[in-house]
Amino acid sequence: MAFGQPSVDQVLQAMVKEAFTAPFLMDELLALSAAHRSTLAEGQRDFYLAEATRLQTRSLTQYNSAQADLSEKNCLVIFLFSAFLGQHLLFETFSLQGDLAALLDKFVQCLGIHRGIAAVAGRSWPDLQAKLQALFGPHVHSGYLRPERTSAGTECAGLLALLDRSELRQSSVQTCRDAVEALQSLFDLQQATESPQSRHIAIVQEWPVRVPQNYINLLAQRRPEALVILAYYSVLLHRAQDYWFVGGAGSFLIRSISDHLGPYWANWLEWPNRMLEAPAT
């Protein structure tokens, strides 16, 4: 999790300190560690994957048994647990490369978990924001929960124009626009020169937190417009392919969605496919 930055060590130490106060958080940290280890130990991959699943199951059991009411005292522990669980589920989702249908089903479930992260953060934001800023610095803001509609980038401009001319119902168009505007704000953040590398990796998990529930429903229905938006998100995944829990998920999704939707949607998917050929940034 250190992203090659020694300055992050202090943050990680603080997270581990919090984990010693809550067994469910410690177990999820260990589960995520086992998942990471499975990508390094080829001969023991299955062992570490099984251990990751066992620890994740135990952490969820302990969390559910605790039934702790959200408060100023425990909001950081619960938020960290939700965030690490969300990252672990993304790893499990992206491990399904080679089976688009299975990956999409798992990703829909994953988005539901991430909506829970947003709910936890939203119910305790003033207290949580102060604790997160103490850990990560002053750049933590409410934009983590909802997009700030001041986007300057143009990565998603063409997609927004196509959505406005689509045959979707107006309510579905607005849902898709909300998902795309959240995505554009993350492309903007990625382009910011002052944004640290650790923030670039965190972007991968921020969009699932921000997407509206109705978008998740459209994706579950395999609506083409929702799949196209997922392909745009996959550009962010492609740019984070060197990070252990992402790998080649971005390129797999873009190519698989393009094949699934066929030539009729090629114009919609031109930009994500072009980004696969762009030099790494």
C-alpha atoms as a PDB file:
ATOM      1  CA  MET A   1       0.000   0.000   0.000  1.00  0.00           C
ATOM      2  CA  ALA A   2       2.959   2.344   0.283  1.00  0.00           C
ATOM      3  CA  PHE A   3       3.130   3.011  -3.478  1.00  0.00           C
ATOM      4  CA  GLY A   4       6.897   3.338  -3.165  1.00  0.00           C
ATOM      5  CA  GLN A   5       6.589   6.431  -0.983  1.00  0.00           C
ATOM      6  CA  PRO A   6       8.323   6.299   2.412  1.00  0.00           C
ATOM      7  CA  SER A   7       6.075   9.142   3.632  1.00  0.00           C
ATOM      8  CA  VAL A   8       3.105   6.753   3.565  1.00  0.00           C
ATOM      9  CA  ASP A   9       4.665   4.545   6.241  1.00  0.00           C
ATOM     10  CA  GLN A  10       3.343   6.829   8.974  1.00  0.00           C
ATOM     11  CA  VAL A  11      -0.170   6.477   7.577  1.00  0.00           C
ATOM     12  CA  LEU A  12       0.121   2.694   7.458  1.00  0.00           C
ATOM     13  CA  GLN A  13       1.344   2.590  11.044  1.00  0.00           C
ATOM     14  CA  ALA A  14      -1.678   4.626  12.103  1.00  0.00           C
ATOM     15  CA  MET A  15      -3.989   2.227  10.266  1.00  0.00           C
ATOM     16  CA  VAL A  16      -2.426  -0.785  11.985  1.00  0.00           C
ATOM     17  CA  LYS A  17      -2.785   0.982  15.329  1.00  0.00           C
ATOM     18  CA  GLU A  18      -6.512   1.365  14.640  1.00  0.00           C
ATOM     19  CA  ALA A  19      -6.687  -2.319  13.681  1.00  0.00           C
ATOM     20  CA  PHE A  20      -5.471  -3.338  17.137  1.00  0.00           C
ATOM     21  CA  THR A  21      -8.655  -1.766  18.545  1.00  0.00           C
ATOM     22  CA  ALA A  22     -11.005  -3.773  16.300  1.00  0.00           C
ATOM     23  CA  PRO A  23     -10.454  -7.465  15.461  1.00  0.00           C
ATOM     24  CA  PHE A  24     -12.662  -7.264  12.375  1.00  0.00           C
ATOM     25  CA  LEU A  25     -10.437  -4.545  10.924  1.00  0.00           C
ATOM     26  CA  MET A  26      -7.272  -6.513  11.751  1.00  0.00           C
ATOM     27  CA  ASP A  27      -8.661  -9.618  10.063  1.00  0.00           C
ATOM     28  CA  GLU A  28      -9.548  -7.669   6.911  1.00  0.00           C
ATOM     29  CA  LEU A  29      -6.069  -6.139   6.813  1.00  0.00           C
ATOM     30  CA  LEU A  30      -4.601  -9.633   7.092  1.00  0.00           C
ATOM     31  CA  ALA A  31      -7.040 -10.874   4.416  1.00  0.00           C
ATOM     32  CA  LEU A  32      -5.923  -8.124   2.062  1.00  0.00           C
ATOM     33  CA  SER A  33      -2.289  -8.953   2.846  1.00  0.00           C
ATOM     34  CA  ALA A  34      -2.917 -12.604   1.982  1.00  0.00           C
ATOM     35  CA  ALA A  35      -4.605 -11.578  -1.270  1.00  0.00           C
ATOM     36  CA  HIS A  36      -1.538  -9.502  -2.146  1.00  0.00           C
ATOM     37  CA  ARG A  37       0.772 -12.350  -1.201  1.00  0.00           C
ATOM     38  CA  SER A  38      -1.090 -14.637  -3.605  1.00  0.00           C
ATOM     39  CA  THR A  39       0.137 -12.479  -6.491  1.00  0.00           C
ATOM     40  CA  LEU A  40       3.778 -12.969  -5.468  1.00  0.00           C
ATOM     41  CA  ALA A  41       4.056 -16.588  -4.306  1.00  0.00           C
ATOM     42  CA  GLU A  42       3.314 -18.581  -7.446  1.00  0.00           C
ATOM     43  CA  GLY A  43       3.748 -21.964  -5.814  1.00  0.00           C
ATOM     44  CA  GLN A  44       1.454 -21.018  -2.924  1.00  0.00           C
ATOM     45  CA  ARG A  45      -1.089 -18.893  -4.777  1.00  0.00           C
ATOM     46  CA  ASP A  46      -4.061 -21.124  -3.939  1.00  0.00           C
ATOM     47  CA  PHE A  47      -3.027 -21.321  -0.278  1.00  0.00           C
ATOM     48  CA  TYR A  48      -2.913 -17.544   0.115  1.00  0.00           C
ATOM     49  CA  LEU A  49      -6.178 -17.057  -1.795  1.00  0.00           C
ATOM     50  CA  ALA A  50      -7.890 -19.538   0.515  1.00  0.00           C
ATOM     51  CA  GLU A  51      -6.390 -17.780   3.531  1.00  0.00           C
ATOM     52  CA  ALA A  52      -7.601 -14.428   2.224  1.00  0.00           C
ATOM     53  CA  THR A  53     -11.134 -15.801   1.893  1.00  0.00           C
ATOM     54  CA  ARG A  54     -11.025 -17.376   5.361  1.00  0.00           C
ATOM     55  CA  LEU A  55      -9.861 -14.147   7.006  1.00  0.00           C
ATOM     56  CA  GLN A  56     -12.352 -12.047   5.062  1.00  0.00           C
ATOM     57  CA  THR A  57     -15.203 -14.334   6.154  1.00  0.00           C
ATOM     58  CA  ARG A  58     -14.064 -14.149   9.769  1.00  0.00           C
ATOM     59  CA  SER A  59     -13.782 -10.365   9.608  1.00  0.00           C
ATOM     60  CA  LEU A  60     -17.334 -10.055   8.261  1.00  0.00           C
ATOM     61  CA  THR A  61     -18.642 -12.400  10.960  1.00  0.00           C
ATOM     62  CA  GLN A  62     -16.954 -10.337  13.678  1.00  0.00           C
ATOM     63  CA  TYR A  63     -18.157  -7.083  12.168  1.00  0.00           C
ATOM     64  CA  ASN A  64     -21.749  -8.295  11.989  1.00  0.00           C
ATOM     65  CA  SER A  65     -21.567  -9.650  15.536  1.00  0.00           C
ATOM     66  CA  ALA A  66     -20.231  -6.355  16.869  1.00  0.00           C
ATOM     67  CA  GLN A  67     -23.331  -4.449  15.666  1.00  0.00           C
ATOM     68  CA  ALA A  68     -21.608  -1.253  16.694  1.00  0.00           C
ATOM     69  CA  ASP A  69     -23.545   1.980  16.287  1.00  0.00           C
ATOM     70  CA  LEU A  70     -21.637   4.496  14.207  1.00  0.00           C
ATOM     71  CA  SER A  71     -20.128   7.183  16.436  1.00  0.00           C
ATOM     72  CA  GLU A  72     -17.319   9.731  16.566  1.00  0.00           C
ATOM     73  CA  LYS A  73     -15.254   7.135  18.421  1.00  0.00           C
ATOM     74  CA  ASN A  74     -15.509   4.287  15.919  1.00  0.00           C
ATOM     75  CA  CYS A  75     -16.247   6.023  12.590  1.00  0.00           C
ATOM     76  CA  LEU A  76     -12.629   5.772  11.391  1.00  0.00           C
ATOM     77  CA  VAL A  77     -12.356   2.055  12.208  1.00  0.00           C
ATOM     78  CA  ILE A  78     -15.617   1.271  10.406  1.00  0.00           C
ATOM     79  CA  PHE A  79     -14.657   3.419   7.420  1.00  0.00           C
ATOM     80  CA  LEU A  80     -11.226   1.780   7.115  1.00  0.00           C
ATOM     81  CA  PHE A  81     -12.814  -1.667   7.369  1.00  0.00           C
ATOM     82  CA  SER A  82     -15.272  -0.783   4.593  1.00  0.00           C
ATOM     83  CA  ALA A  83     -12.515   0.664   2.399  1.00  0.00           C
ATOM     84  CA  PHE A  84     -10.176  -2.332   2.805  1.00  0.00           C
ATOM     85  CA  LEU A  85     -13.050  -4.749   2.244  1.00  0.00           C
ATOM     86  CA  GLY A  86     -13.938  -2.795  -0.891  1.00  0.00           C
ATOM     87  CA  GLN A  87     -10.368  -3.038  -2.181  1.00  0.00           C
ATOM     88  CA  HIS A  88     -10.306  -6.761  -1.439  1.00  0.00           C
ATOM     89  CA  LEU A  89     -13.552  -7.237  -3.375  1.00  0.00           C
ATOM     90  CA  LEU A  90     -12.126  -5.287  -6.308  1.00  0.00           C
ATOM     91  CA  PHE A  91      -9.171  -7.666  -6.316  1.00  0.00           C
ATOM     92  CA  GLU A  92     -11.545 -10.641  -6.369  1.00  0.00           C
ATOM     93  CA  THR A  93     -13.544  -9.002  -9.167  1.00  0.00           C
ATOM     94  CA  PHE A  94     -10.555  -8.170 -11.352  1.00  0.00           C
ATOM     95  CA  SER A  95      -9.224 -11.711 -10.855  1.00  0.00           C
ATOM     96  CA  LEU A  96     -12.102 -12.929 -13.053  1.00  0.00           C
ATOM     97  CA  GLN A  97     -10.450 -11.735 -16.268  1.00  0.00           C
ATOM     98  CA  GLY A  98     -11.355 -14.101 -19.054  1.00  0.00           C
ATOM     99  CA  ASP A  99     -15.059 -14.288 -18.138  1.00  0.00           C
ATOM    100  CA  LEU A 100     -16.839 -10.989 -18.811  1.00  0.00           C
ATOM    101  CA  ALA A 101     -20.221 -12.156 -17.522  1.00  0.00           C
ATOM    102  CA  ALA A 102     -18.792 -13.389 -14.205  1.00  0.00           C
ATOM    103  CA  LEU A 103     -16.693 -10.237 -13.794  1.00  0.00           C
ATOM    104  CA  LEU A 104     -19.708  -7.989 -14.399  1.00  0.00           C
ATOM    105  CA  ASP A 105     -21.841  -9.911 -11.907  1.00  0.00           C
ATOM    106  CA  LYS A 106     -19.104  -9.620  -9.287  1.00  0.00           C
ATOM    107  CA  PHE A 107     -18.524  -5.943 -10.070  1.00  0.00           C
ATOM    108  CA  VAL A 108     -22.216  -5.159  -9.560  1.00  0.00           C
ATOM    109  CA  GLN A 109     -21.973  -6.761  -6.110  1.00  0.00           C
ATOM    110  CA  CYS A 110     -18.773  -4.833  -5.468  1.00  0.00           C
ATOM    111  CA  LEU A 111     -20.457  -1.538  -6.346  1.00  0.00           C
ATOM    112  CA  GLY A 112     -23.131  -2.285  -3.767  1.00  0.00           C
ATOM    113  CA  ILE A 113     -20.459  -2.689  -1.081  1.00  0.00           C
ATOM    114  CA  HIS A 114     -18.857   0.579  -2.138  1.00  0.00           C
ATOM    115  CA  ARG A 115     -22.197   2.345  -1.851  1.00  0.00           C
ATOM    116  CA  GLY A 116     -22.090   1.171   1.765  1.00  0.00           C
ATOM    117  CA  ILE A 117     -18.721   2.901   2.167  1.00  0.00           C
ATOM    118  CA  ALA A 118     -20.325   6.135   0.992  1.00  0.00           C
ATOM    119  CA  ALA A 119     -23.184   5.634   3.457  1.00  0.00           C
ATOM    120  CA  VAL A 120     -20.772   5.149   6.360  1.00  0.00           C
ATOM    121  CA  ALA A 121     -18.788   8.229   5.374  1.00  0.00           C
ATOM    122  CA  GLY A 122     -21.886  10.335   4.779  1.00  0.00           C
ATOM    123  CA  ARG A 123     -23.436   9.609   8.170  1.00  0.00           C
ATOM    124  CA  SER A 124     -20.324  10.684  10.063  1.00  0.00           C
ATOM    125  CA  TRP A 125     -18.560  13.003   7.636  1.00  0.00           C
ATOM    126  CA  PRO A 126     -17.579  15.948   9.920  1.00  0.00           C
ATOM    127  CA  ASP A 127     -15.920  13.642  12.465  1.00  0.00           C
ATOM    128  CA  LEU A 128     -14.545  11.307   9.818  1.00  0.00           C
ATOM    129  CA  GLN A 129     -13.144  14.094   7.656  1.00  0.00           C
ATOM    130  CA  ALA A 130     -11.067  15.418  10.541  1.00  0.00           C
ATOM    131  CA  LYS A 131      -9.670  11.941  11.268  1.00  0.00           C
ATOM    132  CA  LEU A 132      -8.931  11.245   7.591  1.00  0.00           C
ATOM    133  CA  GLN A 133      -7.219  14.601   7.149  1.00  0.00           C
ATOM    134  CA  ALA A 134      -5.028  13.793  10.135  1.00  0.00           C
ATOM    135  CA  LEU A 135      -3.987  10.590   8.318  1.00  0.00           C
ATOM    136  CA  PHE A 136      -3.894  11.589   4.665  1.00  0.00           C
ATOM    137  CA  GLY A 137      -3.555  15.360   4.666  1.00  0.00           C
ATOM    138  CA  PRO A 138      -5.851  18.276   3.792  1.00  0.00           C
ATOM    139  CA  HIS A 139      -6.767  17.003   0.290  1.00  0.00           C
ATOM    140  CA  VAL A 140      -9.466  14.734   1.824  1.00  0.00           C
ATOM    141  CA  HIS A 141     -12.771  16.459   1.117  1.00  0.00           C
ATOM    142  CA  SER A 142     -16.443  15.724   0.490  1.00  0.00           C
ATOM    143  CA  GLY A 143     -15.697  15.151  -3.192  1.00  0.00           C
ATOM    144  CA  TYR A 144     -14.861  11.612  -2.096  1.00  0.00           C
ATOM    145  CA  LEU A 145     -18.605  11.110  -1.682  1.00  0.00           C
ATOM    146  CA  ARG A 146     -19.981  13.063  -4.615  1.00  0.00           C
ATOM    147  CA  PRO A 147     -18.482  14.678  -7.720  1.00  0.00           C
ATOM    148  CA  GLU A 148     -17.649  18.354  -7.669  1.00  0.00           C
ATOM    149  CA  ARG A 149     -19.271  19.783 -10.781  1.00  0.00           C
ATOM    150  CA  THR A 150     -16.347  21.986 -11.732  1.00  0.00           C
ATOM    151  CA  SER A 151     -14.663  19.574 -14.132  1.00  0.00           C
ATOM    152  CA  ALA A 152     -12.270  21.155 -16.612  1.00  0.00           C
ATOM    153  CA  GLY A 153     -11.194  18.067 -18.539  1.00  0.00           C
ATOM    154  CA  THR A 154     -12.655  16.790 -21.791  1.00  0.00           C
ATOM    155  CA  GLU A 155     -12.063  13.020 -21.537  1.00  0.00           C
ATOM    156  CA  CYS A 156     -15.784  12.362 -21.111  1.00  0.00           C
ATOM    157  CA  ALA A 157     -17.169  15.237 -23.219  1.00  0.00           C
ATOM    158  CA  GLY A 158     -17.884  13.045 -26.220  1.00  0.00           C
ATOM    159  CA  LEU A 159     -19.628  10.449 -24.078  1.00  0.00           C
ATOM    160  CA  LEU A 160     -21.854  13.084 -22.461  1.00  0.00           C
ATOM    161  CA  ALA A 161     -22.852  14.361 -25.909  1.00  0.00           C
ATOM    162  CA  LEU A 162     -23.733  10.837 -27.057  1.00  0.00           C
ATOM    163  CA  LEU A 163     -25.786  10.244 -23.915  1.00  0.00           C
ATOM    164  CA  ASP A 164     -27.802  13.399 -24.558  1.00  0.00           C
ATOM    165  CA  ARG A 165     -28.714  12.042 -28.000  1.00  0.00           C
ATOM    166  CA  SER A 166     -29.393   8.497 -26.828  1.00  0.00           C
ATOM    167  CA  GLU A 167     -32.747   6.731 -26.696  1.00  0.00           C
ATOM    168  CA  LEU A 168     -32.594   6.241 -22.936  1.00  0.00           C
ATOM    169  CA  ARG A 169     -35.355   7.602 -20.744  1.00  0.00           C
ATOM    170  CA  GLN A 170     -34.529  11.013 -19.324  1.00  0.00           C
ATOM    171  CA  SER A 171     -34.167   9.625 -15.798  1.00  0.00           C
ATOM    172  CA  SER A 172     -31.660   7.036 -17.039  1.00  0.00           C
ATOM    173  CA  VAL A 173     -29.788   9.692 -19.021  1.00  0.00           C
ATOM    174  CA  GLN A 174     -29.406  11.755 -15.848  1.00  0.00           C
ATOM    175  CA  THR A 175     -28.212   8.687 -13.932  1.00  0.00           C
ATOM    176  CA  CYS A 176     -25.584   8.024 -16.586  1.00  0.00           C
ATOM    177  CA  ARG A 177     -24.563  11.696 -16.643  1.00  0.00           C
ATOM    178  CA  ASP A 178     -24.053  11.608 -12.872  1.00  0.00           C
ATOM    179  CA  ALA A 179     -21.828   8.533 -13.201  1.00  0.00           C
ATOM    180  CA  VAL A 180     -19.850  10.125 -16.049  1.00  0.00           C
ATOM    181  CA  GLU A 181     -19.427  13.465 -14.263  1.00  0.00           C
ATOM    182  CA  ALA A 182     -18.052  11.595 -11.253  1.00  0.00           C
ATOM    183  CA  LEU A 183     -15.666   9.861 -13.622  1.00  0.00           C
ATOM    184  CA  GLN A 184     -14.592  13.115 -15.267  1.00  0.00           C
ATOM    185  CA  SER A 185     -13.758  14.651 -11.899  1.00  0.00           C
ATOM    186  CA  LEU A 186     -11.417  11.703 -11.290  1.00  0.00           C
ATOM    187  CA  PHE A 187      -9.734  12.124 -14.680  1.00  0.00           C
ATOM    188  CA  ASP A 188      -9.225  15.764 -13.693  1.00  0.00           C
ATOM    189  CA  LEU A 189      -7.736  14.731 -10.361  1.00  0.00           C
ATOM    190  CA  GLN A 190      -5.418  12.280 -12.071  1.00  0.00           C
ATOM    191  CA  GLN A 191      -4.131  15.045 -14.336  1.00  0.00           C
ATOM    192  CA  ALA A 192      -3.393  17.347 -11.399  1.00  0.00           C
ATOM    193  CA  THR A 193       0.386  17.605 -11.112  1.00  0.00           C
ATOM    194  CA  GLU A 194       0.187  18.120  -7.360  1.00  0.00           C
ATOM    195  CA  SER A 195      -1.786  14.914  -6.882  1.00  0.00           C
ATOM    196  CA  PRO A 196       0.447  12.270  -5.192  1.00  0.00           C
ATOM    197  CA  GLN A 197       0.836   8.816  -6.714  1.00  0.00           C
ATOM    198  CA  SER A 198      -1.037   7.291  -3.791  1.00  0.00           C
ATOM    199  CA  ARG A 199      -4.018   9.455  -4.764  1.00  0.00           C
ATOM    200  CA  HIS A 200      -3.823   8.157  -8.340  1.00  0.00           C
ATOM    201  CA  ILE A 201      -4.227   4.603  -7.063  1.00  0.00           C
ATOM    202  CA  ALA A 202      -7.044   5.615  -4.690  1.00  0.00           C
ATOM    203  CA  ILE A 203      -8.938   6.998  -7.703  1.00  0.00           C
ATOM    204  CA  VAL A 204      -9.590   3.414  -8.817  1.00  0.00           C
ATOM    205  CA  GLN A 205     -11.715   2.886  -5.705  1.00  0.00           C
ATOM    206  CA  GLU A 206     -13.312   6.328  -5.605  1.00  0.00           C
ATOM    207  CA  TRP A 207     -15.539   5.982  -8.652  1.00  0.00           C
ATOM    208  CA  PRO A 208     -17.312   2.867  -7.297  1.00  0.00           C
ATOM    209  CA  VAL A 209     -18.057   4.874  -4.144  1.00  0.00           C
ATOM    210  CA  ARG A 210     -19.531   7.777  -6.115  1.00  0.00           C
ATOM    211  CA  VAL A 211     -21.748   6.047  -8.702  1.00  0.00           C
ATOM    212  CA  PRO A 212     -25.516   6.353  -8.133  1.00  0.00           C
ATOM    213  CA  GLN A 213     -27.563   3.290  -7.271  1.00  0.00           C
ATOM    214  CA  ASN A 214     -29.571   3.594 -10.483  1.00  0.00           C
ATOM    215  CA  TYR A 215     -26.371   3.253 -12.498  1.00  0.00           C
ATOM    216  CA  ILE A 216     -25.640  -0.017 -10.694  1.00  0.00           C
ATOM    217  CA  ASN A 217     -29.123  -1.180 -11.707  1.00  0.00           C
ATOM    218  CA  LEU A 218     -28.455  -0.280 -15.357  1.00  0.00           C
ATOM    219  CA  LEU A 219     -25.160  -2.156 -15.273  1.00  0.00           C
ATOM    220  CA  ALA A 220     -26.862  -5.198 -13.750  1.00  0.00           C
ATOM    221  CA  GLN A 221     -29.299  -5.065 -16.691  1.00  0.00           C
ATOM    222  CA  ARG A 222     -26.320  -4.942 -19.079  1.00  0.00           C
ATOM    223  CA  ARG A 223     -27.567  -1.740 -20.651  1.00  0.00           C
ATOM    224  CA  PRO A 224     -25.082  -0.808 -23.410  1.00  0.00           C
ATOM    225  CA  GLU A 225     -24.713   2.772 -22.194  1.00  0.00           C
ATOM    226  CA  ALA A 226     -23.779   1.530 -18.705  1.00  0.00           C
ATOM    227  CA  LEU A 227     -21.214  -0.838 -20.207  1.00  0.00           C
ATOM    228  CA  VAL A 228     -19.698   2.015 -22.234  1.00  0.00           C
ATOM    229  CA  ILE A 229     -19.321   4.070 -19.033  1.00  0.00           C
ATOM    230  CA  LEU A 230     -17.597   1.084 -17.428  1.00  0.00           C
ATOM    231  CA  ALA A 231     -15.190   1.022 -20.389  1.00  0.00           C
ATOM    232  CA  TYR A 232     -14.334   4.680 -19.693  1.00  0.00           C
ATOM    233  CA  TYR A 233     -13.684   3.800 -16.034  1.00  0.00           C
ATOM    234  CA  SER A 234     -11.486   0.979 -17.318  1.00  0.00           C
ATOM    235  CA  VAL A 235      -9.111   3.590 -18.743  1.00  0.00           C
ATOM    236  CA  LEU A 236      -8.311   4.527 -15.132  1.00  0.00           C
ATOM    237  CA  LEU A 237      -7.789   0.841 -14.400  1.00  0.00           C
ATOM    238  CA  HIS A 238      -5.504   0.515 -17.403  1.00  0.00           C
ATOM    239  CA  ARG A 239      -3.386   3.414 -16.156  1.00  0.00           C
ATOM    240  CA  ALA A 240      -3.095   1.643 -12.773  1.00  0.00           C
ATOM    241  CA  GLN A 241      -2.209  -1.748 -14.264  1.00  0.00           C
ATOM    242  CA  ASP A 242       1.088  -1.941 -12.388  1.00  0.00           C
ATOM    243  CA  TYR A 243      -0.748  -1.935  -9.052  1.00  0.00           C
ATOM    244  CA  TRP A 244      -1.191  -5.447  -7.683  1.00  0.00           C
ATOM    245  CA  PHE A 245      -4.980  -5.632  -7.324  1.00  0.00           C
ATOM    246  CA  VAL A 246      -5.705  -4.115 -10.753  1.00  0.00           C
ATOM    247  CA  GLY A 247      -3.382  -5.835 -13.232  1.00  0.00           C
ATOM    248  CA  GLY A 248      -4.744  -6.141 -16.760  1.00  0.00           C
ATOM    249  CA  ALA A 249      -8.388  -5.614 -15.778  1.00  0.00           C
ATOM    250  CA  GLY A 250      -8.633  -2.309 -17.665  1.00  0.00           C
ATOM    251  CA  SER A 251      -7.552  -3.593 -21.053  1.00  0.00           C
ATOM    252  CA  PHE A 252      -9.575  -6.787 -20.591  1.00  0.00           C
ATOM    253  CA  LEU A 253     -12.770  -4.844 -19.868  1.00  0.00           C
ATOM    254  CA  ILE A 254     -12.350  -2.364 -22.726  1.00  0.00           C
ATOM    255  CA  ARG A 255     -11.699  -5.063 -25.297  1.00  0.00           C
ATOM    256  CA  SER A 256     -14.357  -7.431 -23.933  1.00  0.00           C
ATOM    257  CA  ILE A 257     -17.043  -4.746 -23.771  1.00  0.00           C
ATOM    258  CA  SER A 258     -16.167  -3.674 -27.326  1.00  0.00           C
ATOM    259  CA  ASP A 259     -16.495  -7.256 -28.565  1.00  0.00           C
ATOM    260  CA  HIS A 260     -19.724  -7.766 -26.618  1.00  0.00           C
ATOM    261  CA  LEU A 261     -21.445  -4.630 -27.924  1.00  0.00           C
ATOM    262  CA  GLY A 262     -20.217  -4.968 -31.494  1.00  0.00           C
ATOM    263  CA  PRO A 263     -19.796  -2.471 -34.357  1.00  0.00           C
ATOM    264  CA  TYR A 264     -22.969  -0.463 -33.619  1.00  0.00           C
ATOM    265  CA  TRP A 265     -21.359   0.916 -30.457  1.00  0.00           C
ATOM    266  CA  ALA A 266     -17.870   1.375 -31.895  1.00  0.00           C
ATOM    267  CA  ASN A 267     -18.255   5.162 -32.017  1.00  0.00           C
ATOM    268  CA  TRP A 268     -19.118   5.231 -28.315  1.00  0.00           C
ATOM    269  CA  LEU A 269     -16.084   3.131 -27.467  1.00  0.00           C
ATOM    270  CA  GLU A 270     -13.564   4.834 -29.756  1.00  0.00           C
ATOM    271  CA  TRP A 271     -11.884   6.854 -26.980  1.00  0.00           C
ATOM    272  CA  PRO A 272     -11.345   3.999 -24.470  1.00  0.00           C
ATOM    273  CA  ASN A 273      -9.902   1.807 -27.230  1.00  0.00           C
ATOM    274  CA  ARG A 274      -7.628   4.636 -28.389  1.00  0.00           C
ATOM    275  CA  MET A 275      -6.371   5.041 -24.809  1.00  0.00           C
ATOM    276  CA  LEU A 276      -5.158   1.443 -24.839  1.00  0.00           C
ATOM    277  CA  GLU A 277      -2.663   2.448 -27.508  1.00  0.00           C
ATOM    278  CA  ALA A 278      -1.582   5.659 -25.742  1.00  0.00           C
ATOM    279  CA  PRO A 279       1.812   5.691 -24.012  1.00  0.00           C
ATOM    280  CA  ALA A 280       1.710   5.183 -20.247  1.00  0.00           C
ATOM    281  CA  THR A 281       1.525   8.363 -18.179  1.00  0.00           C
END
